[in-house]
């Protein structure tokens, strides 16, 4: 585990922990959204970044976590305990799903994960007696003030993102991370030298599902209301992927930097080009990805090349 990354991560977490002191509900809302997507991007990076398997199942795990949390709470369980249930459900579901889907590669795997997410959405839509179907579910309101709730869920998302980052550092520095990188480079060769590719991929997928479902569970309580169209939205999957691509696929800080860059860009375009928001944002992302194929992390290499050229 690289100590300098942990040092700077600790500094960033301490700085982020002071955000609620600003006592601005707008900043807290933006901050909570940023931390949630940071957790999703870090989670996707395990399977999409380290292993190189392009999963579009983020929305599926997110929605699964949100509904698991809501349904468990309906039985009288505390929200915090329900989030643990949601995370475990996401991890176990990804583990079981991984043994079947991770035999596929490339586009086939991407399409399969997309189909699974849509199947989960249709199941929730159709199971009206339990999930409320298209009408959605309301979660119990807390008796504390809206300001206190905003601070609480901000800190919950901060803790989740911090744990996801620490797990990323741990995976990157041990045998699992090495095996996943081998799989990404050449899976057949990795299997020939003794890497249990099926096991490694499945573990990465399960870790990813665990964190995504946990984020979905917290989101359900943060908003107080969930519906299939919201928590199973394909844009959740796409945004998580774009954030990692923007920051640097398979790197430690890529998902963090990419999330900040994407949401800052999104907010800038939303404020100034409201009518052309989606198209303009999409065009900017395409340009960035085309000219920075390794994400913003590639700028470091370009700066080093320029410095060497000058000397």
C-alpha atoms as a PDB file:
ATOM      1  CA  UNK A   1       0.000   0.000   0.000  1.00  0.00           C
ATOM      2  CA  UNK A   2       1.559   3.298  -1.019  1.00  0.00           C
ATOM      3  CA  UNK A   3       1.989   5.425   2.071  1.00  0.00           C
ATOM      4  CA  UNK A   4       2.015   8.787   0.293  1.00  0.00           C
ATOM      5  CA  UNK A   5      -1.384   8.024  -1.213  1.00  0.00           C
ATOM      6  CA  UNK A   6      -2.746   7.224   2.228  1.00  0.00           C
ATOM      7  CA  UNK A   7      -1.247  10.405   3.662  1.00  0.00           C
ATOM      8  CA  UNK A   8      -2.864  12.636   1.047  1.00  0.00           C
ATOM      9  CA  UNK A   9      -6.092  10.658   1.281  1.00  0.00           C
ATOM     10  CA  UNK A  10      -6.180  11.372   5.016  1.00  0.00           C
ATOM     11  CA  UNK A  11      -5.638  15.080   4.378  1.00  0.00           C
ATOM     12  CA  UNK A  12      -8.448  15.139   1.796  1.00  0.00           C
ATOM     13  CA  UNK A  13     -10.833  13.291   4.130  1.00  0.00           C
ATOM     14  CA  UNK A  14     -10.101  15.736   6.941  1.00  0.00           C
ATOM     15  CA  UNK A  15     -10.740  18.670   4.609  1.00  0.00           C
ATOM     16  CA  UNK A  16     -13.969  17.129   3.334  1.00  0.00           C
ATOM     17  CA  UNK A  17     -15.079  16.528   6.917  1.00  0.00           C
ATOM     18  CA  UNK A  18     -15.097  20.294   7.461  1.00  0.00           C
ATOM     19  CA  UNK A  19     -17.553  20.977   4.609  1.00  0.00           C
ATOM     20  CA  UNK A  20     -20.678  20.733   6.829  1.00  0.00           C
ATOM     21  CA  UNK A  21     -19.255  23.555   8.941  1.00  0.00           C
ATOM     22  CA  UNK A  22     -20.093  25.913   6.057  1.00  0.00           C
ATOM     23  CA  UNK A  23     -23.771  25.397   6.946  1.00  0.00           C
ATOM     24  CA  UNK A  24     -24.918  25.579   3.339  1.00  0.00           C
ATOM     25  CA  UNK A  25     -27.582  23.068   2.295  1.00  0.00           C
ATOM     26  CA  UNK A  26     -26.688  23.589  -1.373  1.00  0.00           C
ATOM     27  CA  UNK A  27     -23.012  22.787  -0.794  1.00  0.00           C
ATOM     28  CA  UNK A  28     -23.961  19.790   1.346  1.00  0.00           C
ATOM     29  CA  UNK A  29     -26.239  18.450  -1.381  1.00  0.00           C
ATOM     30  CA  UNK A  30     -23.552  18.846  -4.029  1.00  0.00           C
ATOM     31  CA  UNK A  31     -20.943  17.375  -1.689  1.00  0.00           C
ATOM     32  CA  UNK A  32     -23.078  14.341  -0.883  1.00  0.00           C
ATOM     33  CA  UNK A  33     -23.679  13.734  -4.591  1.00  0.00           C
ATOM     34  CA  UNK A  34     -19.955  14.011  -5.323  1.00  0.00           C
ATOM     35  CA  UNK A  35     -19.063  11.540  -2.570  1.00  0.00           C
ATOM     36  CA  UNK A  36     -21.743   9.096  -3.692  1.00  0.00           C
ATOM     37  CA  UNK A  37     -20.482   9.067  -7.265  1.00  0.00           C
ATOM     38  CA  UNK A  38     -16.911   8.872  -6.006  1.00  0.00           C
ATOM     39  CA  UNK A  39     -17.864   5.674  -4.194  1.00  0.00           C
ATOM     40  CA  UNK A  40     -19.557   4.323  -7.338  1.00  0.00           C
ATOM     41  CA  UNK A  41     -16.541   5.166  -9.512  1.00  0.00           C
ATOM     42  CA  UNK A  42     -14.124   3.547  -7.044  1.00  0.00           C
ATOM     43  CA  UNK A  43     -16.373   0.480  -6.927  1.00  0.00           C
ATOM     44  CA  UNK A  44     -16.557   0.189 -10.731  1.00  0.00           C
ATOM     45  CA  UNK A  45     -12.766   0.488 -10.928  1.00  0.00           C
ATOM     46  CA  UNK A  46     -12.304  -2.917  -9.264  1.00  0.00           C
ATOM     47  CA  UNK A  47     -13.887  -4.810 -12.141  1.00  0.00           C
ATOM     48  CA  UNK A  48     -13.642  -2.308 -14.997  1.00  0.00           C
ATOM     49  CA  UNK A  49     -10.288  -0.742 -14.144  1.00  0.00           C
ATOM     50  CA  UNK A  50      -8.120  -3.438 -12.565  1.00  0.00           C
ATOM     51  CA  UNK A  51      -9.612  -6.437 -14.395  1.00  0.00           C
ATOM     52  CA  UNK A  52     -10.575  -4.639 -17.609  1.00  0.00           C
ATOM     53  CA  UNK A  53     -14.147  -5.980 -17.712  1.00  0.00           C
ATOM     54  CA  UNK A  54     -16.554  -3.198 -18.840  1.00  0.00           C
ATOM     55  CA  UNK A  55     -19.502  -3.654 -16.495  1.00  0.00           C
ATOM     56  CA  UNK A  56     -22.746  -1.770 -17.132  1.00  0.00           C
ATOM     57  CA  UNK A  57     -24.323  -3.299 -14.042  1.00  0.00           C
ATOM     58  CA  UNK A  58     -23.719  -0.356 -11.692  1.00  0.00           C
ATOM     59  CA  UNK A  59     -27.335   0.788 -11.938  1.00  0.00           C
ATOM     60  CA  UNK A  60     -28.524  -2.746 -11.208  1.00  0.00           C
ATOM     61  CA  UNK A  61     -26.498  -3.078  -8.009  1.00  0.00           C
ATOM     62  CA  UNK A  62     -27.382   0.469  -6.973  1.00  0.00           C
ATOM     63  CA  UNK A  63     -31.112  -0.174  -7.356  1.00  0.00           C
ATOM     64  CA  UNK A  64     -30.800  -3.571  -5.675  1.00  0.00           C
ATOM     65  CA  UNK A  65     -29.131  -1.922  -2.685  1.00  0.00           C
ATOM     66  CA  UNK A  66     -31.731   0.845  -2.499  1.00  0.00           C
ATOM     67  CA  UNK A  67     -34.699  -1.548  -2.538  1.00  0.00           C
ATOM     68  CA  UNK A  68     -33.055  -4.062  -0.209  1.00  0.00           C
ATOM     69  CA  UNK A  69     -32.452  -1.306   2.322  1.00  0.00           C
ATOM     70  CA  UNK A  70     -35.995   0.055   2.006  1.00  0.00           C
ATOM     71  CA  UNK A  71     -37.636  -3.370   2.332  1.00  0.00           C
ATOM     72  CA  UNK A  72     -35.506  -4.360   5.329  1.00  0.00           C
ATOM     73  CA  UNK A  73     -36.348  -1.077   7.049  1.00  0.00           C
ATOM     74  CA  UNK A  74     -40.042  -1.778   6.462  1.00  0.00           C
ATOM     75  CA  UNK A  75     -39.592  -4.705   8.868  1.00  0.00           C
ATOM     76  CA  UNK A  76     -38.477  -2.343  11.619  1.00  0.00           C
ATOM     77  CA  UNK A  77     -34.711  -2.612  11.129  1.00  0.00           C
ATOM     78  CA  UNK A  78     -32.571   0.494  11.733  1.00  0.00           C
ATOM     79  CA  UNK A  79     -31.319   2.261   8.558  1.00  0.00           C
ATOM     80  CA  UNK A  80     -27.638   1.657   9.354  1.00  0.00           C
ATOM     81  CA  UNK A  81     -28.229  -2.097   9.739  1.00  0.00           C
ATOM     82  CA  UNK A  82     -30.270  -2.140   6.529  1.00  0.00           C
ATOM     83  CA  UNK A  83     -27.334  -0.615   4.659  1.00  0.00           C
ATOM     84  CA  UNK A  84     -25.193  -3.548   5.765  1.00  0.00           C
ATOM     85  CA  UNK A  85     -27.895  -5.918   4.483  1.00  0.00           C
ATOM     86  CA  UNK A  86     -27.938  -4.002   1.201  1.00  0.00           C
ATOM     87  CA  UNK A  87     -24.139  -4.172   0.827  1.00  0.00           C
ATOM     88  CA  UNK A  88     -24.098  -7.908   1.575  1.00  0.00           C
ATOM     89  CA  UNK A  89     -26.944  -8.481  -0.877  1.00  0.00           C
ATOM     90  CA  UNK A  90     -25.017  -6.626  -3.580  1.00  0.00           C
ATOM     91  CA  UNK A  91     -21.825  -8.540  -2.840  1.00  0.00           C
ATOM     92  CA  UNK A  92     -23.485 -11.973  -2.770  1.00  0.00           C
ATOM     93  CA  UNK A  93     -25.544 -11.252  -5.890  1.00  0.00           C
ATOM     94  CA  UNK A  94     -22.403 -10.119  -7.748  1.00  0.00           C
ATOM     95  CA  UNK A  95     -20.535 -13.184  -6.505  1.00  0.00           C
ATOM     96  CA  UNK A  96     -23.179 -15.565  -7.846  1.00  0.00           C
ATOM     97  CA  UNK A  97     -23.632 -13.552 -11.027  1.00  0.00           C
ATOM     98  CA  UNK A  98     -19.890 -13.391 -11.584  1.00  0.00           C
ATOM     99  CA  UNK A  99     -19.448 -17.155 -11.879  1.00  0.00           C
ATOM    100  CA  UNK A 100     -21.873 -17.103 -14.816  1.00  0.00           C
ATOM    101  CA  UNK A 101     -21.256 -13.787 -16.568  1.00  0.00           C
ATOM    102  CA  UNK A 102     -17.499 -13.501 -16.139  1.00  0.00           C
ATOM    103  CA  UNK A 103     -17.019 -16.346 -18.570  1.00  0.00           C
ATOM    104  CA  UNK A 104     -17.960 -13.758 -21.186  1.00  0.00           C
ATOM    105  CA  UNK A 105     -15.554 -11.087 -22.358  1.00  0.00           C
ATOM    106  CA  UNK A 106     -15.584  -7.620 -23.876  1.00  0.00           C
ATOM    107  CA  UNK A 107     -18.818  -6.503 -25.500  1.00  0.00           C
ATOM    108  CA  UNK A 108     -20.620  -9.723 -24.552  1.00  0.00           C
ATOM    109  CA  UNK A 109     -19.961  -9.129 -20.852  1.00  0.00           C
ATOM    110  CA  UNK A 110     -20.963  -5.459 -21.109  1.00  0.00           C
ATOM    111  CA  UNK A 111     -24.271  -6.335 -22.779  1.00  0.00           C
ATOM    112  CA  UNK A 112     -24.957  -9.126 -20.271  1.00  0.00           C
ATOM    113  CA  UNK A 113     -24.506  -6.812 -17.279  1.00  0.00           C
ATOM    114  CA  UNK A 114     -26.730  -4.220 -18.942  1.00  0.00           C
ATOM    115  CA  UNK A 115     -29.429  -6.854 -19.448  1.00  0.00           C
ATOM    116  CA  UNK A 116     -29.196  -7.953 -15.805  1.00  0.00           C
ATOM    117  CA  UNK A 117     -29.720  -4.370 -14.645  1.00  0.00           C
ATOM    118  CA  UNK A 118     -32.784  -4.044 -16.873  1.00  0.00           C
ATOM    119  CA  UNK A 119     -34.152  -7.404 -15.667  1.00  0.00           C
ATOM    120  CA  UNK A 120     -33.845  -6.262 -12.050  1.00  0.00           C
ATOM    121  CA  UNK A 121     -35.645  -3.070 -12.952  1.00  0.00           C
ATOM    122  CA  UNK A 122     -38.522  -4.971 -14.574  1.00  0.00           C
ATOM    123  CA  UNK A 123     -38.794  -7.336 -11.597  1.00  0.00           C
ATOM    124  CA  UNK A 124     -39.112  -4.387  -9.219  1.00  0.00           C
ATOM    125  CA  UNK A 125     -41.604  -2.715 -11.562  1.00  0.00           C
ATOM    126  CA  UNK A 126     -43.761  -5.818 -11.722  1.00  0.00           C
ATOM    127  CA  UNK A 127     -43.608  -6.904  -8.074  1.00  0.00           C
ATOM    128  CA  UNK A 128     -46.073  -4.259  -6.963  1.00  0.00           C
ATOM    129  CA  UNK A 129     -47.193  -5.979  -3.752  1.00  0.00           C
ATOM    130  CA  UNK A 130     -43.686  -5.837  -2.322  1.00  0.00           C
ATOM    131  CA  UNK A 131     -41.882  -2.981  -4.069  1.00  0.00           C
ATOM    132  CA  UNK A 132     -44.753  -0.679  -4.985  1.00  0.00           C
ATOM    133  CA  UNK A 133     -43.938  -1.105  -8.668  1.00  0.00           C
ATOM    134  CA  UNK A 134     -43.751   2.105 -10.650  1.00  0.00           C
ATOM    135  CA  UNK A 135     -45.244   4.043  -7.737  1.00  0.00           C
ATOM    136  CA  UNK A 136     -42.066   3.525  -5.745  1.00  0.00           C
ATOM    137  CA  UNK A 137     -41.531   3.347  -2.005  1.00  0.00           C
ATOM    138  CA  UNK A 138     -41.477   5.973   0.713  1.00  0.00           C
ATOM    139  CA  UNK A 139     -39.027   5.566   3.567  1.00  0.00           C
ATOM    140  CA  UNK A 140     -39.748   6.645   7.142  1.00  0.00           C
ATOM    141  CA  UNK A 141     -38.786  10.233   7.889  1.00  0.00           C
ATOM    142  CA  UNK A 142     -36.367  11.018  10.685  1.00  0.00           C
ATOM    143  CA  UNK A 143     -37.391  13.267  13.558  1.00  0.00           C
ATOM    144  CA  UNK A 144     -34.200  15.335  13.347  1.00  0.00           C
ATOM    145  CA  UNK A 145     -34.000  18.623  11.466  1.00  0.00           C
ATOM    146  CA  UNK A 146     -33.370  18.697   7.682  1.00  0.00           C
ATOM    147  CA  UNK A 147     -30.002  20.387   8.322  1.00  0.00           C
ATOM    148  CA  UNK A 148     -28.903  17.607  10.680  1.00  0.00           C
ATOM    149  CA  UNK A 149     -30.050  14.967   8.180  1.00  0.00           C
ATOM    150  CA  UNK A 150     -28.075  16.644   5.389  1.00  0.00           C
ATOM    151  CA  UNK A 151     -24.911  16.609   7.498  1.00  0.00           C
ATOM    152  CA  UNK A 152     -25.467  13.007   8.551  1.00  0.00           C
ATOM    153  CA  UNK A 153     -25.856  11.611   5.032  1.00  0.00           C
ATOM    154  CA  UNK A 154     -22.911  13.682   3.850  1.00  0.00           C
ATOM    155  CA  UNK A 155     -20.730  11.991   6.453  1.00  0.00           C
ATOM    156  CA  UNK A 156     -22.182   8.575   5.573  1.00  0.00           C
ATOM    157  CA  UNK A 157     -21.207   9.001   1.928  1.00  0.00           C
ATOM    158  CA  UNK A 158     -17.796  10.323   2.995  1.00  0.00           C
ATOM    159  CA  UNK A 159     -17.150   7.221   5.112  1.00  0.00           C
ATOM    160  CA  UNK A 160     -18.278   4.953   2.268  1.00  0.00           C
ATOM    161  CA  UNK A 161     -16.003   6.695  -0.263  1.00  0.00           C
ATOM    162  CA  UNK A 162     -13.065   6.583   2.191  1.00  0.00           C
ATOM    163  CA  UNK A 163     -13.515   2.851   2.818  1.00  0.00           C
ATOM    164  CA  UNK A 164     -13.804   2.215  -0.924  1.00  0.00           C
ATOM    165  CA  UNK A 165     -10.550   4.108  -1.501  1.00  0.00           C
ATOM    166  CA  UNK A 166      -8.739   2.223   1.280  1.00  0.00           C
ATOM    167  CA  UNK A 167      -9.976  -1.040  -0.229  1.00  0.00           C
ATOM    168  CA  UNK A 168      -8.668   0.115  -3.614  1.00  0.00           C
ATOM    169  CA  UNK A 169      -5.227   0.737  -2.085  1.00  0.00           C
ATOM    170  CA  UNK A 170      -5.327  -2.671  -0.395  1.00  0.00           C
ATOM    171  CA  UNK A 171      -6.329  -4.516  -3.577  1.00  0.00           C
ATOM    172  CA  UNK A 172      -3.741  -2.658  -5.673  1.00  0.00           C
ATOM    173  CA  UNK A 173      -0.904  -3.633  -3.325  1.00  0.00           C
ATOM    174  CA  UNK A 174      -1.566  -7.351  -2.882  1.00  0.00           C
ATOM    175  CA  UNK A 175      -1.810 -10.561  -4.867  1.00  0.00           C
ATOM    176  CA  UNK A 176      -5.387  -9.887  -5.931  1.00  0.00           C
ATOM    177  CA  UNK A 177      -4.450  -6.608  -7.602  1.00  0.00           C
ATOM    178  CA  UNK A 178      -1.485  -8.228  -9.353  1.00  0.00           C
ATOM    179  CA  UNK A 179      -3.704 -11.030 -10.627  1.00  0.00           C
ATOM    180  CA  UNK A 180      -6.340  -8.609 -11.883  1.00  0.00           C
ATOM    181  CA  UNK A 181      -3.713  -6.602 -13.774  1.00  0.00           C
ATOM    182  CA  UNK A 182      -2.466  -9.806 -15.362  1.00  0.00           C
ATOM    183  CA  UNK A 183      -6.009 -10.635 -16.423  1.00  0.00           C
ATOM    184  CA  UNK A 184      -6.391  -7.187 -17.962  1.00  0.00           C
ATOM    185  CA  UNK A 185      -3.138  -7.512 -19.913  1.00  0.00           C
ATOM    186  CA  UNK A 186      -3.654 -11.063 -21.173  1.00  0.00           C
ATOM    187  CA  UNK A 187      -6.167 -13.322 -19.462  1.00  0.00           C
ATOM    188  CA  UNK A 188      -5.124 -16.498 -21.273  1.00  0.00           C
ATOM    189  CA  UNK A 189      -1.471 -15.963 -20.358  1.00  0.00           C
ATOM    190  CA  UNK A 190      -2.438 -15.185 -16.763  1.00  0.00           C
ATOM    191  CA  UNK A 191      -4.253 -18.519 -16.531  1.00  0.00           C
ATOM    192  CA  UNK A 192      -1.238 -20.345 -17.945  1.00  0.00           C
ATOM    193  CA  UNK A 193       1.085 -18.981 -15.243  1.00  0.00           C
ATOM    194  CA  UNK A 194      -1.195 -20.054 -12.410  1.00  0.00           C
ATOM    195  CA  UNK A 195      -3.577 -17.130 -11.856  1.00  0.00           C
ATOM    196  CA  UNK A 196      -7.068 -18.360 -10.948  1.00  0.00           C
ATOM    197  CA  UNK A 197      -8.735 -15.932 -13.338  1.00  0.00           C
ATOM    198  CA  UNK A 198     -12.325 -16.943 -12.580  1.00  0.00           C
ATOM    199  CA  UNK A 199     -11.843 -16.544  -8.818  1.00  0.00           C
ATOM    200  CA  UNK A 200     -10.001 -13.223  -9.087  1.00  0.00           C
ATOM    201  CA  UNK A 201     -12.548 -11.697 -11.460  1.00  0.00           C
ATOM    202  CA  UNK A 202     -15.441 -12.864  -9.304  1.00  0.00           C
ATOM    203  CA  UNK A 203     -13.920 -11.419  -6.131  1.00  0.00           C
ATOM    204  CA  UNK A 204     -13.399  -8.060  -7.876  1.00  0.00           C
ATOM    205  CA  UNK A 205     -16.990  -8.136  -9.131  1.00  0.00           C
ATOM    206  CA  UNK A 206     -18.270  -8.953  -5.623  1.00  0.00           C
ATOM    207  CA  UNK A 207     -16.301  -6.091  -4.050  1.00  0.00           C
ATOM    208  CA  UNK A 208     -17.694  -3.767  -6.698  1.00  0.00           C
ATOM    209  CA  UNK A 209     -21.269  -4.913  -6.077  1.00  0.00           C
ATOM    210  CA  UNK A 210     -20.813  -4.589  -2.314  1.00  0.00           C
ATOM    211  CA  UNK A 211     -19.882  -0.903  -2.402  1.00  0.00           C
ATOM    212  CA  UNK A 212     -22.384   0.047  -5.101  1.00  0.00           C
ATOM    213  CA  UNK A 213     -25.273  -1.576  -3.214  1.00  0.00           C
ATOM    214  CA  UNK A 214     -24.175   0.151   0.003  1.00  0.00           C
ATOM    215  CA  UNK A 215     -24.301   3.505  -1.807  1.00  0.00           C
ATOM    216  CA  UNK A 216     -27.788   2.641  -3.067  1.00  0.00           C
ATOM    217  CA  UNK A 217     -28.946   1.862   0.464  1.00  0.00           C
ATOM    218  CA  UNK A 218     -27.690   5.182   1.848  1.00  0.00           C
ATOM    219  CA  UNK A 219     -29.174   7.024  -1.151  1.00  0.00           C
ATOM    220  CA  UNK A 220     -32.614   5.554  -0.418  1.00  0.00           C
ATOM    221  CA  UNK A 221     -32.655   7.117   3.055  1.00  0.00           C
ATOM    222  CA  UNK A 222     -31.059  10.352   1.874  1.00  0.00           C
ATOM    223  CA  UNK A 223     -33.829  11.002  -0.641  1.00  0.00           C
ATOM    224  CA  UNK A 224     -36.628   9.407   1.403  1.00  0.00           C
ATOM    225  CA  UNK A 225     -38.297   8.047  -1.730  1.00  0.00           C
ATOM    226  CA  UNK A 226     -37.190   5.608  -4.421  1.00  0.00           C
ATOM    227  CA  UNK A 227     -38.675   4.386  -7.691  1.00  0.00           C
ATOM    228  CA  UNK A 228     -37.333   2.028 -10.388  1.00  0.00           C
ATOM    229  CA  UNK A 229     -36.829   4.795 -12.971  1.00  0.00           C
ATOM    230  CA  UNK A 230     -34.568   6.642 -10.544  1.00  0.00           C
ATOM    231  CA  UNK A 231     -32.399   4.002  -8.881  1.00  0.00           C
ATOM    232  CA  UNK A 232     -32.111   1.717 -11.935  1.00  0.00           C
ATOM    233  CA  UNK A 233     -31.316   4.606 -14.285  1.00  0.00           C
ATOM    234  CA  UNK A 234     -28.745   3.555 -16.916  1.00  0.00           C
ATOM    235  CA  UNK A 235     -27.109   6.973 -16.556  1.00  0.00           C
ATOM    236  CA  UNK A 236     -25.808   5.858 -13.155  1.00  0.00           C
ATOM    237  CA  UNK A 237     -23.799   3.149 -14.924  1.00  0.00           C
ATOM    238  CA  UNK A 238     -22.631   5.452 -17.686  1.00  0.00           C
ATOM    239  CA  UNK A 239     -21.552   8.245 -15.342  1.00  0.00           C
ATOM    240  CA  UNK A 240     -19.501   5.883 -13.180  1.00  0.00           C
ATOM    241  CA  UNK A 241     -17.688   4.554 -16.255  1.00  0.00           C
ATOM    242  CA  UNK A 242     -17.038   8.011 -17.715  1.00  0.00           C
ATOM    243  CA  UNK A 243     -15.690   9.267 -14.382  1.00  0.00           C
ATOM    244  CA  UNK A 244     -13.112   6.479 -14.235  1.00  0.00           C
ATOM    245  CA  UNK A 245     -12.212   6.917 -17.912  1.00  0.00           C
ATOM    246  CA  UNK A 246     -11.758  10.616 -17.322  1.00  0.00           C
ATOM    247  CA  UNK A 247      -9.549  10.208 -14.270  1.00  0.00           C
ATOM    248  CA  UNK A 248      -7.521   7.171 -15.294  1.00  0.00           C
ATOM    249  CA  UNK A 249      -8.646   3.548 -15.598  1.00  0.00           C
ATOM    250  CA  UNK A 250      -7.081   1.127 -13.141  1.00  0.00           C
ATOM    251  CA  UNK A 251      -5.302   3.809 -11.108  1.00  0.00           C
ATOM    252  CA  UNK A 252      -5.691   4.615  -7.425  1.00  0.00           C
ATOM    253  CA  UNK A 253      -6.650   8.255  -7.772  1.00  0.00           C
ATOM    254  CA  UNK A 254      -8.286   8.075 -11.204  1.00  0.00           C
ATOM    255  CA  UNK A 255     -11.854   7.517  -9.936  1.00  0.00           C
ATOM    256  CA  UNK A 256     -11.468  10.319  -7.378  1.00  0.00           C
ATOM    257  CA  UNK A 257     -10.028  12.849  -9.829  1.00  0.00           C
ATOM    258  CA  UNK A 258     -12.439  11.786 -12.569  1.00  0.00           C
ATOM    259  CA  UNK A 259     -15.471  12.207 -10.318  1.00  0.00           C
ATOM    260  CA  UNK A 260     -14.442  15.710  -9.292  1.00  0.00           C
ATOM    261  CA  UNK A 261     -13.649  16.692 -12.882  1.00  0.00           C
ATOM    262  CA  UNK A 262     -16.852  15.221 -14.322  1.00  0.00           C
ATOM    263  CA  UNK A 263     -19.222  16.723 -11.768  1.00  0.00           C
ATOM    264  CA  UNK A 264     -17.468  20.109 -11.899  1.00  0.00           C
ATOM    265  CA  UNK A 265     -17.839  20.025 -15.684  1.00  0.00           C
ATOM    266  CA  UNK A 266     -21.444  18.908 -15.341  1.00  0.00           C
ATOM    267  CA  UNK A 267     -22.251  21.745 -12.942  1.00  0.00           C
ATOM    268  CA  UNK A 268     -20.499  24.300 -15.180  1.00  0.00           C
ATOM    269  CA  UNK A 269     -22.406  23.203 -18.284  1.00  0.00           C
ATOM    270  CA  UNK A 270     -25.693  22.964 -16.355  1.00  0.00           C
ATOM    271  CA  UNK A 271     -25.369  26.535 -15.131  1.00  0.00           C
ATOM    272  CA  UNK A 272     -24.332  28.119 -18.436  1.00  0.00           C
ATOM    273  CA  UNK A 273     -25.843  25.938 -21.156  1.00  0.00           C
ATOM    274  CA  UNK A 274     -29.062  24.653 -19.642  1.00  0.00           C
ATOM    275  CA  UNK A 275     -30.876  24.011 -22.939  1.00  0.00           C
ATOM    276  CA  UNK A 276     -27.903  22.196 -24.491  1.00  0.00           C
ATOM    277  CA  UNK A 277     -26.761  20.506 -21.293  1.00  0.00           C
ATOM    278  CA  UNK A 278     -26.729  16.835 -22.346  1.00  0.00           C
ATOM    279  CA  UNK A 279     -25.314  17.356 -25.827  1.00  0.00           C
ATOM    280  CA  UNK A 280     -22.633  19.825 -24.758  1.00  0.00           C
ATOM    281  CA  UNK A 281     -21.514  17.738 -21.813  1.00  0.00           C
ATOM    282  CA  UNK A 282     -21.369  14.627 -23.988  1.00  0.00           C
ATOM    283  CA  UNK A 283     -19.278  16.422 -26.619  1.00  0.00           C
ATOM    284  CA  UNK A 284     -16.827  17.702 -24.018  1.00  0.00           C
ATOM    285  CA  UNK A 285     -16.435  14.222 -22.549  1.00  0.00           C
ATOM    286  CA  UNK A 286     -15.820  12.681 -25.980  1.00  0.00           C
ATOM    287  CA  UNK A 287     -13.130  15.275 -26.715  1.00  0.00           C
ATOM    288  CA  UNK A 288     -11.435  14.660 -23.378  1.00  0.00           C
ATOM    289  CA  UNK A 289     -11.506  10.885 -23.785  1.00  0.00           C
ATOM    290  CA  UNK A 290     -10.205  11.033 -27.364  1.00  0.00           C
ATOM    291  CA  UNK A 291      -7.295  13.337 -26.558  1.00  0.00           C
ATOM    292  CA  UNK A 292      -6.617  11.834 -23.130  1.00  0.00           C
ATOM    293  CA  UNK A 293      -7.130   8.083 -23.656  1.00  0.00           C
ATOM    294  CA  UNK A 294      -5.587   7.307 -20.258  1.00  0.00           C
ATOM    295  CA  UNK A 295      -7.648  10.027 -18.586  1.00  0.00           C
ATOM    296  CA  UNK A 296      -6.315  13.030 -16.723  1.00  0.00           C
ATOM    297  CA  UNK A 297      -3.618  10.752 -15.299  1.00  0.00           C
ATOM    298  CA  UNK A 298      -1.930  10.871 -18.724  1.00  0.00           C
ATOM    299  CA  UNK A 299      -1.216  14.603 -18.272  1.00  0.00           C
ATOM    300  CA  UNK A 300       1.461  13.715 -15.756  1.00  0.00           C
ATOM    301  CA  UNK A 301       3.305  11.669 -18.360  1.00  0.00           C
ATOM    302  CA  UNK A 302       3.004  14.455 -20.928  1.00  0.00           C
ATOM    303  CA  UNK A 303       4.411  17.011 -18.511  1.00  0.00           C
ATOM    304  CA  UNK A 304       7.370  14.732 -17.790  1.00  0.00           C
ATOM    305  CA  UNK A 305       7.973  14.313 -21.516  1.00  0.00           C
ATOM    306  CA  UNK A 306       7.976  18.103 -22.008  1.00  0.00           C
ATOM    307  CA  UNK A 307      10.399  18.568 -19.112  1.00  0.00           C
ATOM    308  CA  UNK A 308      12.788  16.009 -20.577  1.00  0.00           C
ATOM    309  CA  UNK A 309      12.560  17.664 -23.984  1.00  0.00           C
ATOM    310  CA  UNK A 310      13.495  21.016 -22.460  1.00  0.00           C
ATOM    311  CA  UNK A 311      16.529  19.554 -20.727  1.00  0.00           C
END
